[in-house]
Amino acid sequence: MALKKNQKRKEEENVKSKPYQSLAWFFTVTLILAATMAAFNMYPWYSYAFTFSNLGWVLIGYLWKEKSLIVLNAGLTIIYIIGLVSDNYM
C-alpha cells in the first residue's frame, strides 16, 4: 500500500504542467464560442472569433515551442483571413 502511494507521488512529481495554461484555456473557450457562433450562422462574427482564437493558439504554440500547433493554427488563421478579405473586398 505504501509502495503504491510512493509510486503515485513520484509519477505526479514527474508530470509537469506547461506554462501559460490560463492563456491556453482562454483561447480554448474562445474557440468553442466561435464554433457555437458558426453553428448559429452568426457570420461574419464567427470568422473574426476563429481568427482571434487561432492567432492565440499560434502564440501558445510559440510559447510552448510546439511546431504542430503553430503550423495548424497559422494555416487556419490564413484561411479565415483570406475568406474575410475575399468576402468583403472582392
Protein backbone atom coordinates (compact mmCIF):
# COMPACT_ATOMS: atom_id res chain seq x y z
CA MET A 1 0.00 0.00 0.00
CA ALA A 2 2.74 2.44 0.97
CA LEU A 3 4.69 1.42 -2.13
CA LYS A 4 1.75 2.36 -4.36
CA LYS A 5 1.42 5.76 -2.66
CA ASN A 6 5.14 6.46 -3.11
CA GLN A 7 4.99 5.38 -6.74
CA LYS A 8 1.94 7.57 -7.39
CA ARG A 9 3.60 10.55 -5.69
CA LYS A 10 6.71 10.10 -7.86
CA GLU A 11 4.58 9.94 -11.02
CA GLU A 12 2.80 13.15 -10.04
CA GLU A 13 6.14 14.87 -9.44
CA ASN A 14 7.35 13.84 -12.90
CA VAL A 15 4.29 15.30 -14.65
CA LYS A 16 4.96 18.97 -15.21
CA SER A 17 2.30 21.45 -16.18
CA LYS A 18 3.04 23.50 -19.24
CA PRO A 19 3.35 27.25 -18.68
CA TYR A 20 0.65 29.66 -19.83
CA GLN A 21 -2.18 27.22 -19.07
CA SER A 22 -4.63 30.03 -18.29
CA LEU A 23 -3.92 31.62 -21.66
CA ALA A 24 -4.40 28.29 -23.40
CA TRP A 25 -7.74 27.77 -21.64
CA PHE A 26 -8.85 31.30 -22.58
CA PHE A 27 -8.22 30.63 -26.27
CA THR A 28 -9.88 27.23 -25.97
CA VAL A 29 -13.03 28.88 -24.63
CA THR A 30 -12.99 31.49 -27.40
CA LEU A 31 -12.57 28.71 -29.95
CA ILE A 32 -15.63 26.91 -28.56
CA LEU A 33 -17.58 30.18 -28.64
CA ALA A 34 -16.53 30.68 -32.28
CA ALA A 35 -17.78 27.19 -33.14
CA THR A 36 -21.06 27.95 -31.38
CA MET A 37 -21.43 31.16 -33.37
CA ALA A 38 -20.75 29.22 -36.58
CA ALA A 39 -23.41 26.69 -35.63
CA PHE A 40 -25.92 29.53 -35.35
CA ASN A 41 -24.67 31.13 -38.60
CA MET A 42 -23.53 34.36 -36.98
CA TYR A 43 -21.46 35.39 -39.99
CA PRO A 44 -19.02 37.25 -40.09
CA TRP A 45 -18.60 37.30 -36.31
CA TYR A 46 -17.63 33.66 -36.08
CA SER A 47 -14.88 34.21 -38.65
CA TYR A 48 -13.44 37.01 -36.55
CA ALA A 49 -13.69 34.84 -33.43
CA PHE A 50 -11.97 31.91 -35.17
CA THR A 51 -9.23 34.22 -36.43
CA PHE A 52 -8.67 35.63 -32.92
CA SER A 53 -8.68 32.16 -31.33
CA ASN A 54 -6.34 30.65 -33.88
CA LEU A 55 -3.94 33.57 -33.56
CA GLY A 56 -3.98 32.95 -29.82
CA TRP A 57 -3.13 29.30 -30.39
CA VAL A 58 -0.25 30.35 -32.66
CA LEU A 59 1.05 32.37 -29.71
CA ILE A 60 0.61 29.41 -27.35
CA GLY A 61 2.38 27.14 -29.83
CA TYR A 62 5.27 29.59 -29.96
CA LEU A 63 5.45 29.84 -26.16
CA TRP A 64 5.33 26.05 -25.82
CA LYS A 65 7.72 25.53 -28.76
CA GLU A 66 5.16 23.22 -30.41
CA LYS A 67 5.62 23.46 -34.17
CA SER A 68 2.49 21.44 -34.92
CA LEU A 69 0.31 23.95 -33.04
CA ILE A 70 1.95 26.84 -34.85
CA VAL A 71 1.54 25.32 -38.32
CA LEU A 72 -2.04 24.16 -37.78
CA ASN A 73 -3.32 27.38 -36.30
CA ALA A 74 -1.32 29.70 -38.56
CA GLY A 75 -2.76 27.84 -41.54
CA LEU A 76 -6.30 28.16 -40.19
CA THR A 77 -5.75 31.86 -39.46
CA ILE A 78 -4.60 32.48 -43.02
CA ILE A 79 -7.63 30.61 -44.38
CA TYR A 80 -10.03 32.71 -42.28
CA ILE A 81 -8.31 35.97 -43.25
CA ILE A 82 -8.42 35.07 -46.95
CA GLY A 83 -12.12 34.26 -46.61
CA LEU A 84 -12.88 37.52 -44.84
CA VAL A 85 -10.88 39.58 -47.35
CA SER A 86 -12.39 37.89 -50.38
CA ASP A 87 -15.91 38.26 -49.00
CA ASN A 88 -15.50 41.94 -48.07
CA TYR A 89 -13.21 43.32 -50.75
CA MET A 90 -13.54 41.20 -53.89
